[in-house]
Amino acid sequence: MEELILVMARALVDHPEDVRVEIKEDDRGIVYALSVHREDVGKVIGKQGRIAKALRTVVASAAVKSDKRVIVDIIS
């Protein structure tokens, strides 16, 4: 899952070397914290959050077989 998020995010940004994913597990499920360069935050979120929503949808679809909920948080 981490690799899927990294590949998609690196394709969207101008600074792919700054893309990082931290994995945390809490009461909500597995949380993937996607960190990008400050200038690239808007590119990952997209207009009205459309790209972020699409990214989260793809990750959720890939995680259907797992029993835990998967959440993608975007941070700068």
PDB file of N, CA and C in Angstrom:
ATOM      1  N   MET A   1       0.827  -1.190   0.000  1.00  0.00           N
ATOM      2  CA  MET A   1       0.000   0.000   0.000  1.00  0.00           C
ATOM      3  C   MET A   1       0.875   1.259   0.000  1.00  0.00           C
ATOM      4  N   GLU A   2       1.924   1.226   0.801  1.00  0.00           N
ATOM      5  CA  GLU A   2       2.830   2.372   0.879  1.00  0.00           C
ATOM      6  C   GLU A   2       3.434   2.665  -0.494  1.00  0.00           C
ATOM      7  N   GLU A   3       3.842   1.634  -1.202  1.00  0.00           N
ATOM      8  CA  GLU A   3       4.448   1.813  -2.518  1.00  0.00           C
ATOM      9  C   GLU A   3       3.440   2.387  -3.515  1.00  0.00           C
ATOM     10  N   LEU A   4       2.198   1.967  -3.431  1.00  0.00           N
ATOM     11  CA  LEU A   4       1.141   2.488  -4.301  1.00  0.00           C
ATOM     12  C   LEU A   4       0.967   3.993  -4.087  1.00  0.00           C
ATOM     13  N   ILE A   5       0.926   4.414  -2.844  1.00  0.00           N
ATOM     14  CA  ILE A   5       0.780   5.834  -2.518  1.00  0.00           C
ATOM     15  C   ILE A   5       1.985   6.619  -3.019  1.00  0.00           C
ATOM     16  N   LEU A   6       3.184   6.081  -2.815  1.00  0.00           N
ATOM     17  CA  LEU A   6       4.399   6.763  -3.264  1.00  0.00           C
ATOM     18  C   LEU A   6       4.420   6.940  -4.781  1.00  0.00           C
ATOM     19  N   VAL A   7       4.065   5.910  -5.513  1.00  0.00           N
ATOM     20  CA  VAL A   7       4.081   5.986  -6.981  1.00  0.00           C
ATOM     21  C   VAL A   7       3.092   7.029  -7.481  1.00  0.00           C
ATOM     22  N   MET A   8       1.887   7.017  -6.936  1.00  0.00           N
ATOM     23  CA  MET A   8       0.873   7.978  -7.385  1.00  0.00           C
ATOM     24  C   MET A   8       1.274   9.406  -7.021  1.00  0.00           C
ATOM     25  N   ALA A   9       1.761   9.615  -5.810  1.00  0.00           N
ATOM     26  CA  ALA A   9       2.114  10.966  -5.372  1.00  0.00           C
ATOM     27  C   ALA A   9       3.319  11.503  -6.136  1.00  0.00           C
ATOM     28  N   ARG A  10       4.312  10.666  -6.371  1.00  0.00           N
ATOM     29  CA  ARG A  10       5.509  11.124  -7.098  1.00  0.00           C
ATOM     30  C   ARG A  10       5.177  11.519  -8.526  1.00  0.00           C
ATOM     31  N   ALA A  11       4.167  10.903  -9.113  1.00  0.00           N
ATOM     32  CA  ALA A  11       3.762  11.247 -10.477  1.00  0.00           C
ATOM     33  C   ALA A  11       3.093  12.617 -10.547  1.00  0.00           C
ATOM     34  N   LEU A  12       2.578  13.092  -9.435  1.00  0.00           N
ATOM     35  CA  LEU A  12       1.830  14.350  -9.414  1.00  0.00           C
ATOM     36  C   LEU A  12       2.679  15.579  -9.104  1.00  0.00           C
ATOM     37  N   VAL A  13       3.794  15.422  -8.417  1.00  0.00           N
ATOM     38  CA  VAL A  13       4.519  16.555  -7.839  1.00  0.00           C
ATOM     39  C   VAL A  13       5.730  16.965  -8.658  1.00  0.00           C
ATOM     40  N   ASP A  14       6.244  18.172  -8.362  1.00  0.00           N
ATOM     41  CA  ASP A  14       7.462  18.678  -8.991  1.00  0.00           C
ATOM     42  C   ASP A  14       8.714  18.265  -8.224  1.00  0.00           C
ATOM     43  N   HIS A  15       8.560  17.895  -6.956  1.00  0.00           N
ATOM     44  CA  HIS A  15       9.682  17.497  -6.100  1.00  0.00           C
ATOM     45  C   HIS A  15       9.458  16.065  -5.604  1.00  0.00           C
ATOM     46  N   PRO A  16       9.612  15.061  -6.488  1.00  0.00           N
ATOM     47  CA  PRO A  16       9.322  13.680  -6.074  1.00  0.00           C
ATOM     48  C   PRO A  16      10.262  13.151  -4.998  1.00  0.00           C
ATOM     49  N   GLU A  17      11.438  13.746  -4.890  1.00  0.00           N
ATOM     50  CA  GLU A  17      12.386  13.293  -3.865  1.00  0.00           C
ATOM     51  C   GLU A  17      11.928  13.645  -2.455  1.00  0.00           C
ATOM     52  N   ASP A  18      10.990  14.564  -2.322  1.00  0.00           N
ATOM     53  CA  ASP A  18      10.496  14.983  -1.011  1.00  0.00           C
ATOM     54  C   ASP A  18       9.223  14.246  -0.576  1.00  0.00           C
ATOM     55  N   VAL A  19       8.755  13.300  -1.366  1.00  0.00           N
ATOM     56  CA  VAL A  19       7.538  12.561  -1.025  1.00  0.00           C
ATOM     57  C   VAL A  19       7.885  11.474   0.002  1.00  0.00           C
ATOM     58  N   ARG A  20       7.180  11.473   1.109  1.00  0.00           N
ATOM     59  CA  ARG A  20       7.395  10.493   2.181  1.00  0.00           C
ATOM     60  C   ARG A  20       6.042   9.965   2.645  1.00  0.00           C
ATOM     61  N   VAL A  21       6.034   8.721   3.110  1.00  0.00           N
ATOM     62  CA  VAL A  21       4.828   8.128   3.683  1.00  0.00           C
ATOM     63  C   VAL A  21       5.192   7.509   5.020  1.00  0.00           C
ATOM     64  N   GLU A  22       4.484   7.937   6.061  1.00  0.00           N
ATOM     65  CA  GLU A  22       4.645   7.345   7.384  1.00  0.00           C
ATOM     66  C   GLU A  22       3.406   6.519   7.685  1.00  0.00           C
ATOM     67  N   ILE A  23       3.630   5.353   8.263  1.00  0.00           N
ATOM     68  CA  ILE A  23       2.522   4.455   8.575  1.00  0.00           C
ATOM     69  C   ILE A  23       2.308   4.437  10.079  1.00  0.00           C
ATOM     70  N   LYS A  24       1.074   4.693  10.465  1.00  0.00           N
ATOM     71  CA  LYS A  24       0.701   4.650  11.877  1.00  0.00           C
ATOM     72  C   LYS A  24      -0.553   3.798  12.006  1.00  0.00           C
ATOM     73  N   GLU A  25      -0.699   3.167  13.126  1.00  0.00           N
ATOM     74  CA  GLU A  25      -1.921   2.409  13.374  1.00  0.00           C
ATOM     75  C   GLU A  25      -2.562   2.955  14.633  1.00  0.00           C
ATOM     76  N   ASP A  26      -3.822   3.351  14.519  1.00  0.00           N
ATOM     77  CA  ASP A  26      -4.536   3.871  15.679  1.00  0.00           C
ATOM     78  C   ASP A  26      -5.946   3.286  15.709  1.00  0.00           C
ATOM     79  N   ASP A  27      -6.798   3.883  16.508  1.00  0.00           N
ATOM     80  CA  ASP A  27      -8.154   3.350  16.656  1.00  0.00           C
ATOM     81  C   ASP A  27      -8.995   3.496  15.390  1.00  0.00           C
ATOM     82  N   ARG A  28      -8.612   4.403  14.489  1.00  0.00           N
ATOM     83  CA  ARG A  28      -9.342   4.570  13.230  1.00  0.00           C
ATOM     84  C   ARG A  28      -8.983   3.486  12.212  1.00  0.00           C
ATOM     85  N   GLY A  29      -7.802   2.912  12.337  1.00  0.00           N
ATOM     86  CA  GLY A  29      -7.311   1.919  11.387  1.00  0.00           C
ATOM     87  C   GLY A  29      -5.861   2.208  11.072  1.00  0.00           C
ATOM     88  N   ILE A  30      -5.438   1.870   9.865  1.00  0.00           N
ATOM     89  CA  ILE A  30      -4.076   2.151   9.423  1.00  0.00           C
ATOM     90  C   ILE A  30      -4.073   3.514   8.753  1.00  0.00           C
ATOM     91  N   VAL A  31      -3.224   4.410   9.245  1.00  0.00           N
ATOM     92  CA  VAL A  31      -3.148   5.770   8.725  1.00  0.00           C
ATOM     93  C   VAL A  31      -1.835   5.929   7.965  1.00  0.00           C
ATOM     94  N   TYR A  32      -1.941   6.307   6.694  1.00  0.00           N
ATOM     95  CA  TYR A  32      -0.776   6.610   5.873  1.00  0.00           C
ATOM     96  C   TYR A  32      -0.677   8.130   5.797  1.00  0.00           C
ATOM     97  N   ALA A  33       0.363   8.689   6.404  1.00  0.00           N
ATOM     98  CA  ALA A  33       0.574  10.132   6.394  1.00  0.00           C
ATOM     99  C   ALA A  33       1.477  10.471   5.219  1.00  0.00           C
ATOM    100  N   LEU A  34       0.906  11.076   4.200  1.00  0.00           N
ATOM    101  CA  LEU A  34       1.638  11.447   2.990  1.00  0.00           C
ATOM    102  C   LEU A  34       2.197  12.851   3.166  1.00  0.00           C
ATOM    103  N   SER A  35       3.506  12.961   3.099  1.00  0.00           N
ATOM    104  CA  SER A  35       4.179  14.238   3.254  1.00  0.00           C
ATOM    105  C   SER A  35       4.831  14.615   1.933  1.00  0.00           C
ATOM    106  N   VAL A  36       4.564  15.831   1.470  1.00  0.00           N
ATOM    107  CA  VAL A  36       5.139  16.319   0.218  1.00  0.00           C
ATOM    108  C   VAL A  36       5.781  17.681   0.459  1.00  0.00           C
ATOM    109  N   HIS A  37       6.535  18.135  -0.523  1.00  0.00           N
ATOM    110  CA  HIS A  37       7.153  19.463  -0.456  1.00  0.00           C
ATOM    111  C   HIS A  37       6.057  20.515  -0.342  1.00  0.00           C
ATOM    112  N   ARG A  38       6.352  21.577   0.352  1.00  0.00           N
ATOM    113  CA  ARG A  38       5.367  22.637   0.608  1.00  0.00           C
ATOM    114  C   ARG A  38       4.736  23.167  -0.678  1.00  0.00           C
ATOM    115  N   GLU A  39       5.516  23.272  -1.743  1.00  0.00           N
ATOM    116  CA  GLU A  39       4.998  23.798  -3.012  1.00  0.00           C
ATOM    117  C   GLU A  39       4.076  22.809  -3.726  1.00  0.00           C
ATOM    118  N   ASP A  40       4.151  21.538  -3.367  1.00  0.00           N
ATOM    119  CA  ASP A  40       3.388  20.500  -4.063  1.00  0.00           C
ATOM    120  C   ASP A  40       2.085  20.113  -3.376  1.00  0.00           C
ATOM    121  N   VAL A  41       1.782  20.697  -2.252  1.00  0.00           N
ATOM    122  CA  VAL A  41       0.577  20.318  -1.510  1.00  0.00           C
ATOM    123  C   VAL A  41      -0.672  20.533  -2.361  1.00  0.00           C
ATOM    124  N   GLY A  42      -0.740  21.640  -3.050  1.00  0.00           N
ATOM    125  CA  GLY A  42      -1.897  21.936  -3.892  1.00  0.00           C
ATOM    126  C   GLY A  42      -2.063  20.952  -5.037  1.00  0.00           C
ATOM    127  N   LYS A  43      -0.957  20.452  -5.561  1.00  0.00           N
ATOM    128  CA  LYS A  43      -1.028  19.492  -6.661  1.00  0.00           C
ATOM    129  C   LYS A  43      -1.556  18.150  -6.191  1.00  0.00           C
ATOM    130  N   VAL A  44      -1.236  17.779  -4.973  1.00  0.00           N
ATOM    131  CA  VAL A  44      -1.699  16.499  -4.438  1.00  0.00           C
ATOM    132  C   VAL A  44      -3.168  16.595  -4.007  1.00  0.00           C
ATOM    133  N   ILE A  45      -3.573  17.757  -3.531  1.00  0.00           N
ATOM    134  CA  ILE A  45      -4.961  17.930  -3.101  1.00  0.00           C
ATOM    135  C   ILE A  45      -5.870  18.180  -4.308  1.00  0.00           C
ATOM    136  N   GLY A  46      -5.452  19.024  -5.230  1.00  0.00           N
ATOM    137  CA  GLY A  46      -6.237  19.295  -6.429  1.00  0.00           C
ATOM    138  C   GLY A  46      -7.352  20.290  -6.167  1.00  0.00           C
ATOM    139  N   LYS A  47      -8.020  20.686  -7.234  1.00  0.00           N
ATOM    140  CA  LYS A  47      -9.128  21.627  -7.109  1.00  0.00           C
ATOM    141  C   LYS A  47     -10.269  20.974  -6.353  1.00  0.00           C
ATOM    142  N   GLN A  48     -10.702  21.640  -5.321  1.00  0.00           N
ATOM    143  CA  GLN A  48     -11.794  21.175  -4.455  1.00  0.00           C
ATOM    144  C   GLN A  48     -11.534  19.770  -3.909  1.00  0.00           C
ATOM    145  N   GLY A  49     -10.256  19.391  -3.806  1.00  0.00           N
ATOM    146  CA  GLY A  49      -9.895  18.112  -3.211  1.00  0.00           C
ATOM    147  C   GLY A  49     -10.133  16.897  -4.087  1.00  0.00           C
ATOM    148  N   ARG A  50     -10.292  17.121  -5.378  1.00  0.00           N
ATOM    149  CA  ARG A  50     -10.629  16.006  -6.270  1.00  0.00           C
ATOM    150  C   ARG A  50      -9.505  14.982  -6.386  1.00  0.00           C
ATOM    151  N   ILE A  51      -8.272  15.444  -6.493  1.00  0.00           N
ATOM    152  CA  ILE A  51      -7.151  14.506  -6.626  1.00  0.00           C
ATOM    153  C   ILE A  51      -6.955  13.737  -5.326  1.00  0.00           C
ATOM    154  N   ALA A  52      -7.057  14.423  -4.196  1.00  0.00           N
ATOM    155  CA  ALA A  52      -6.929  13.748  -2.896  1.00  0.00           C
ATOM    156  C   ALA A  52      -8.021  12.700  -2.735  1.00  0.00           C
ATOM    157  N   LYS A  53      -9.227  13.029  -3.148  1.00  0.00           N
ATOM    158  CA  LYS A  53     -10.335  12.078  -3.043  1.00  0.00           C
ATOM    159  C   LYS A  53     -10.086  10.864  -3.936  1.00  0.00           C
ATOM    160  N   ALA A  54      -9.592  11.093  -5.149  1.00  0.00           N
ATOM    161  CA  ALA A  54      -9.296   9.993  -6.065  1.00  0.00           C
ATOM    162  C   ALA A  54      -8.180   9.112  -5.507  1.00  0.00           C
ATOM    163  N   LEU A  55      -7.156   9.726  -4.942  1.00  0.00           N
ATOM    164  CA  LEU A  55      -6.050   8.986  -4.328  1.00  0.00           C
ATOM    165  C   LEU A  55      -6.568   8.112  -3.187  1.00  0.00           C
ATOM    166  N   ARG A  56      -7.409   8.679  -2.347  1.00  0.00           N
ATOM    167  CA  ARG A  56      -7.979   7.930  -1.227  1.00  0.00           C
ATOM    168  C   ARG A  56      -8.889   6.793  -1.716  1.00  0.00           C
ATOM    169  N   THR A  57      -9.619   7.031  -2.797  1.00  0.00           N
ATOM    170  CA  THR A  57     -10.500   6.002  -3.351  1.00  0.00           C
ATOM    171  C   THR A  57      -9.693   4.821  -3.882  1.00  0.00           C
ATOM    172  N   VAL A  58      -8.608   5.095  -4.589  1.00  0.00           N
ATOM    173  CA  VAL A  58      -7.765   4.028  -5.122  1.00  0.00           C
ATOM    174  C   VAL A  58      -7.151   3.220  -3.986  1.00  0.00           C
ATOM    175  N   VAL A  59      -6.663   3.894  -2.959  1.00  0.00           N
ATOM    176  CA  VAL A  59      -6.052   3.201  -1.824  1.00  0.00           C
ATOM    177  C   VAL A  59      -7.102   2.374  -1.079  1.00  0.00           C
ATOM    178  N   ALA A  60      -8.277   2.920  -0.889  1.00  0.00           N
ATOM    179  CA  ALA A  60      -9.337   2.177  -0.207  1.00  0.00           C
ATOM    180  C   ALA A  60      -9.754   0.951  -1.016  1.00  0.00           C
ATOM    181  N   SER A  61      -9.794   1.083  -2.331  1.00  0.00           N
ATOM    182  CA  SER A  61     -10.144  -0.053  -3.181  1.00  0.00           C
ATOM    183  C   SER A  61      -9.076  -1.138  -3.122  1.00  0.00           C
ATOM    184  N   ALA A  62      -7.821  -0.735  -3.060  1.00  0.00           N
ATOM    185  CA  ALA A  62      -6.727  -1.703  -2.976  1.00  0.00           C
ATOM    186  C   ALA A  62      -6.697  -2.397  -1.618  1.00  0.00           C
ATOM    187  N   ALA A  63      -7.276  -1.763  -0.609  1.00  0.00           N
ATOM    188  CA  ALA A  63      -7.246  -2.308   0.753  1.00  0.00           C
ATOM    189  C   ALA A  63      -8.507  -3.081   1.116  1.00  0.00           C
ATOM    190  N   VAL A  64      -9.351  -3.373   0.151  1.00  0.00           N
ATOM    191  CA  VAL A  64     -10.615  -4.043   0.439  1.00  0.00           C
ATOM    192  C   VAL A  64     -10.399  -5.395   1.126  1.00  0.00           C
ATOM    193  N   LYS A  65      -9.377  -6.110   0.739  1.00  0.00           N
ATOM    194  CA  LYS A  65      -9.146  -7.435   1.305  1.00  0.00           C
ATOM    195  C   LYS A  65      -8.650  -7.395   2.740  1.00  0.00           C
ATOM    196  N   SER A  66      -8.092  -6.266   3.158  1.00  0.00           N
ATOM    197  CA  SER A  66      -7.626  -6.186   4.545  1.00  0.00           C
ATOM    198  C   SER A  66      -8.819  -5.911   5.459  1.00  0.00           C
ATOM    199  N   ASP A  67      -8.715  -6.351   6.680  1.00  0.00           N
ATOM    200  CA  ASP A  67      -9.819  -6.188   7.627  1.00  0.00           C
ATOM    201  C   ASP A  67      -9.845  -4.806   8.260  1.00  0.00           C
ATOM    202  N   LYS A  68      -8.773  -4.034   8.090  1.00  0.00           N
ATOM    203  CA  LYS A  68      -8.684  -2.733   8.745  1.00  0.00           C
ATOM    204  C   LYS A  68      -9.017  -1.619   7.772  1.00  0.00           C
ATOM    205  N   ARG A  69      -9.495  -0.542   8.317  1.00  0.00           N
ATOM    206  CA  ARG A  69      -9.785   0.662   7.528  1.00  0.00           C
ATOM    207  C   ARG A  69      -8.472   1.353   7.197  1.00  0.00           C
ATOM    208  N   VAL A  70      -8.361   1.877   5.998  1.00  0.00           N
ATOM    209  CA  VAL A  70      -7.152   2.562   5.547  1.00  0.00           C
ATOM    210  C   VAL A  70      -7.468   4.033   5.310  1.00  0.00           C
ATOM    211  N   ILE A  71      -6.639   4.901   5.888  1.00  0.00           N
ATOM    212  CA  ILE A  71      -6.851   6.345   5.803  1.00  0.00           C
ATOM    213  C   ILE A  71      -5.580   6.990   5.246  1.00  0.00           C
ATOM    214  N   VAL A  72      -5.728   7.931   4.329  1.00  0.00           N
ATOM    215  CA  VAL A  72      -4.591   8.673   3.794  1.00  0.00           C
ATOM    216  C   VAL A  72      -4.728  10.117   4.236  1.00  0.00           C
ATOM    217  N   ASP A  73      -3.766  10.581   5.024  1.00  0.00           N
ATOM    218  CA  ASP A  73      -3.709  11.989   5.451  1.00  0.00           C
ATOM    219  C   ASP A  73      -2.618  12.678   4.664  1.00  0.00           C
ATOM    220  N   ILE A  74      -2.894  13.875   4.171  1.00  0.00           N
ATOM    221  CA  ILE A  74      -1.905  14.640   3.408  1.00  0.00           C
ATOM    222  C   ILE A  74      -1.389  15.757   4.307  1.00  0.00           C
ATOM    223  N   ILE A  75      -0.083  15.774   4.516  1.00  0.00           N
ATOM    224  CA  ILE A  75       0.545  16.801   5.326  1.00  0.00           C
ATOM    225  C   ILE A  75       1.681  17.433   4.528  1.00  0.00           C
ATOM    226  N   SER A  76       2.076  18.638   4.911  1.00  0.00           N
ATOM    227  CA  SER A  76       3.170  19.287   4.205  1.00  0.00           C
ATOM    228  C   SER A  76       4.433  19.255   5.021  1.00  0.00           C
TER     229      SER A  76
END
